[in-house]
Amino acid sequence: MATQVTTTTAAATNTRRGASFLQIAIALQTLTIFLQAVSAGLLLTSSYGETLHGVGARVMYGASMLYVLAAVLAWKPGGGSPRPVWHASGFLVLASVQVVLGIAHVPSVHVPLGVLMFGLSVLALARR
């Protein structure tokens, strides 16, 4: 009986940790996307804006990959829903498209997609 209670308690703790890591990953992603919007403004007004925006793109992409990792860790070992994994994977696809559009200098799609990504990331954060 004591082993069952300990196992249940450990599973609940793992689920909470996975959910906390997922919340942190989504918050980090949201913050990096917001900072990309700020650096896009600097891109138009300063000489160092392009460098800052390029570095920020790499950090944002890394944050999107971290979101996928956090979603998988919250789902598989924690026994949570697989839905966040699908959301995180879709977001990584959007981030990939965003990077390609930025490199190709297609601002007519790059900018609105960035706004959409920020809105979706805020929504994902609010749902957690």
Protein backbone atom coordinates (compact mmCIF):
# COMPACT_ATOMS: atom_id res chain seq x y z
CA MET A 1 0.00 0.00 0.00
CA ALA A 2 2.80 2.44 0.88
CA THR A 3 4.54 1.70 -2.44
CA GLN A 4 1.38 2.59 -4.37
CA VAL A 5 1.01 5.91 -2.51
CA THR A 6 4.69 6.74 -3.11
CA THR A 7 4.38 5.88 -6.80
CA THR A 8 1.24 8.01 -7.16
CA THR A 9 2.89 10.92 -5.35
CA ALA A 10 6.00 10.65 -7.55
CA ALA A 11 3.86 10.60 -10.70
CA ALA A 12 1.98 13.71 -9.55
CA THR A 13 5.26 15.49 -8.82
CA ASN A 14 6.62 14.58 -12.26
CA THR A 15 3.43 15.85 -13.91
CA ARG A 16 3.70 19.19 -12.07
CA ARG A 17 7.40 19.53 -12.99
CA GLY A 18 6.64 18.79 -16.64
CA ALA A 19 3.82 21.35 -16.63
CA SER A 20 6.06 23.96 -14.98
CA PHE A 21 8.84 23.36 -17.52
CA LEU A 22 6.25 23.66 -20.29
CA GLN A 23 5.01 26.98 -18.88
CA ILE A 24 8.57 28.31 -18.66
CA ALA A 25 9.31 27.20 -22.23
CA ILE A 26 6.18 28.90 -23.59
CA ALA A 27 6.94 32.07 -21.61
CA LEU A 28 10.50 32.11 -22.96
CA GLN A 29 9.23 31.62 -26.50
CA THR A 30 6.71 34.44 -26.09
CA LEU A 31 9.39 36.75 -24.72
CA THR A 32 11.80 36.00 -27.55
CA ILE A 33 9.13 36.66 -30.16
CA PHE A 34 8.31 39.98 -28.49
CA LEU A 35 12.00 40.89 -28.50
CA GLN A 36 12.09 40.03 -32.21
CA ALA A 37 9.41 42.66 -32.79
CA VAL A 38 11.51 45.18 -30.87
CA SER A 39 14.64 44.28 -32.83
CA ALA A 40 12.65 44.56 -36.09
CA GLY A 41 11.95 48.16 -35.17
CA LEU A 42 15.64 48.66 -34.47
CA LEU A 43 16.38 47.05 -37.82
CA LEU A 44 14.64 49.99 -39.47
CA THR A 45 16.23 52.69 -37.33
CA SER A 46 19.77 51.68 -36.36
CA SER A 47 22.96 50.19 -37.74
CA TYR A 48 23.07 47.32 -35.21
CA GLY A 49 19.42 46.30 -35.67
CA GLU A 50 20.18 43.72 -38.35
CA THR A 51 22.71 41.94 -36.15
CA LEU A 52 20.38 42.02 -33.16
CA HIS A 53 17.48 40.68 -35.23
CA GLY A 54 19.63 37.88 -36.67
CA VAL A 55 20.84 36.78 -33.23
CA GLY A 56 17.30 37.06 -31.90
CA ALA A 57 16.05 34.80 -34.68
CA ARG A 58 18.42 32.07 -33.58
CA VAL A 59 17.38 32.47 -29.94
CA MET A 60 13.68 32.41 -30.90
CA TYR A 61 14.20 29.24 -32.94
CA GLY A 62 16.00 27.65 -30.00
CA ALA A 63 13.12 28.65 -27.71
CA SER A 64 10.70 26.97 -30.13
CA MET A 65 12.77 23.78 -30.01
CA LEU A 66 12.79 23.98 -26.20
CA TYR A 67 8.99 24.27 -26.29
CA VAL A 68 8.81 21.00 -28.26
CA LEU A 69 11.14 19.31 -25.77
CA ALA A 70 9.11 20.58 -22.81
CA ALA A 71 5.86 19.42 -24.41
CA VAL A 72 7.27 15.94 -25.00
CA LEU A 73 8.58 15.74 -21.44
CA ALA A 74 5.24 16.89 -20.03
CA TRP A 75 3.41 14.32 -22.14
CA LYS A 76 5.42 11.11 -22.21
CA PRO A 77 6.84 10.57 -18.73
CA GLY A 78 4.24 12.74 -16.99
CA GLY A 79 1.27 11.07 -18.63
CA GLY A 80 -0.22 14.34 -19.83
CA SER A 81 -2.12 15.07 -23.02
CA PRO A 82 -0.26 14.83 -26.36
CA ARG A 83 -2.02 18.02 -27.55
CA PRO A 84 0.81 20.39 -26.42
CA VAL A 85 3.25 18.30 -28.47
CA TRP A 86 1.18 18.98 -31.59
CA HIS A 87 0.96 22.69 -30.74
CA ALA A 88 4.69 22.93 -30.10
CA SER A 89 5.53 21.03 -33.29
CA GLY A 90 3.24 23.28 -35.31
CA PHE A 91 4.91 26.28 -33.76
CA LEU A 92 8.33 24.94 -34.72
CA VAL A 93 7.09 24.62 -38.31
CA LEU A 94 5.89 28.25 -38.20
CA ALA A 95 9.26 29.32 -36.77
CA SER A 96 11.03 27.47 -39.59
CA VAL A 97 8.90 29.21 -42.20
CA GLN A 98 9.54 32.52 -40.45
CA VAL A 99 13.31 32.02 -40.59
CA VAL A 100 13.19 31.08 -44.29
CA LEU A 101 11.04 34.13 -45.09
CA GLY A 102 13.40 36.38 -43.15
CA ILE A 103 16.47 35.07 -44.95
CA ALA A 104 14.64 35.44 -48.29
CA HIS A 105 13.70 39.05 -47.38
CA VAL A 106 9.95 38.60 -47.86
CA PRO A 107 8.62 41.15 -45.33
CA SER A 108 5.09 41.08 -46.76
CA VAL A 109 4.65 37.59 -45.26
CA HIS A 110 7.43 37.63 -42.62
CA VAL A 111 5.95 40.50 -40.59
CA PRO A 112 2.32 39.28 -40.44
CA LEU A 113 3.53 35.76 -39.64
CA GLY A 114 5.56 37.20 -36.76
CA VAL A 115 2.46 38.94 -35.42
CA LEU A 116 0.47 35.70 -35.75
CA MET A 117 3.20 33.76 -33.96
CA PHE A 118 3.26 36.24 -31.09
CA GLY A 119 -0.53 36.03 -30.74
CA LEU A 120 -0.50 32.23 -30.80
CA SER A 121 2.32 32.11 -28.26
CA VAL A 122 0.47 34.48 -25.90
CA LEU A 123 -2.64 32.31 -26.33
CA ALA A 124 -0.67 29.13 -25.52
CA LEU A 125 0.80 30.85 -22.46
CA ALA A 126 -2.64 32.00 -21.29
CA ARG A 127 -4.01 28.46 -21.65
CA ARG A 128 -1.30 27.10 -19.35
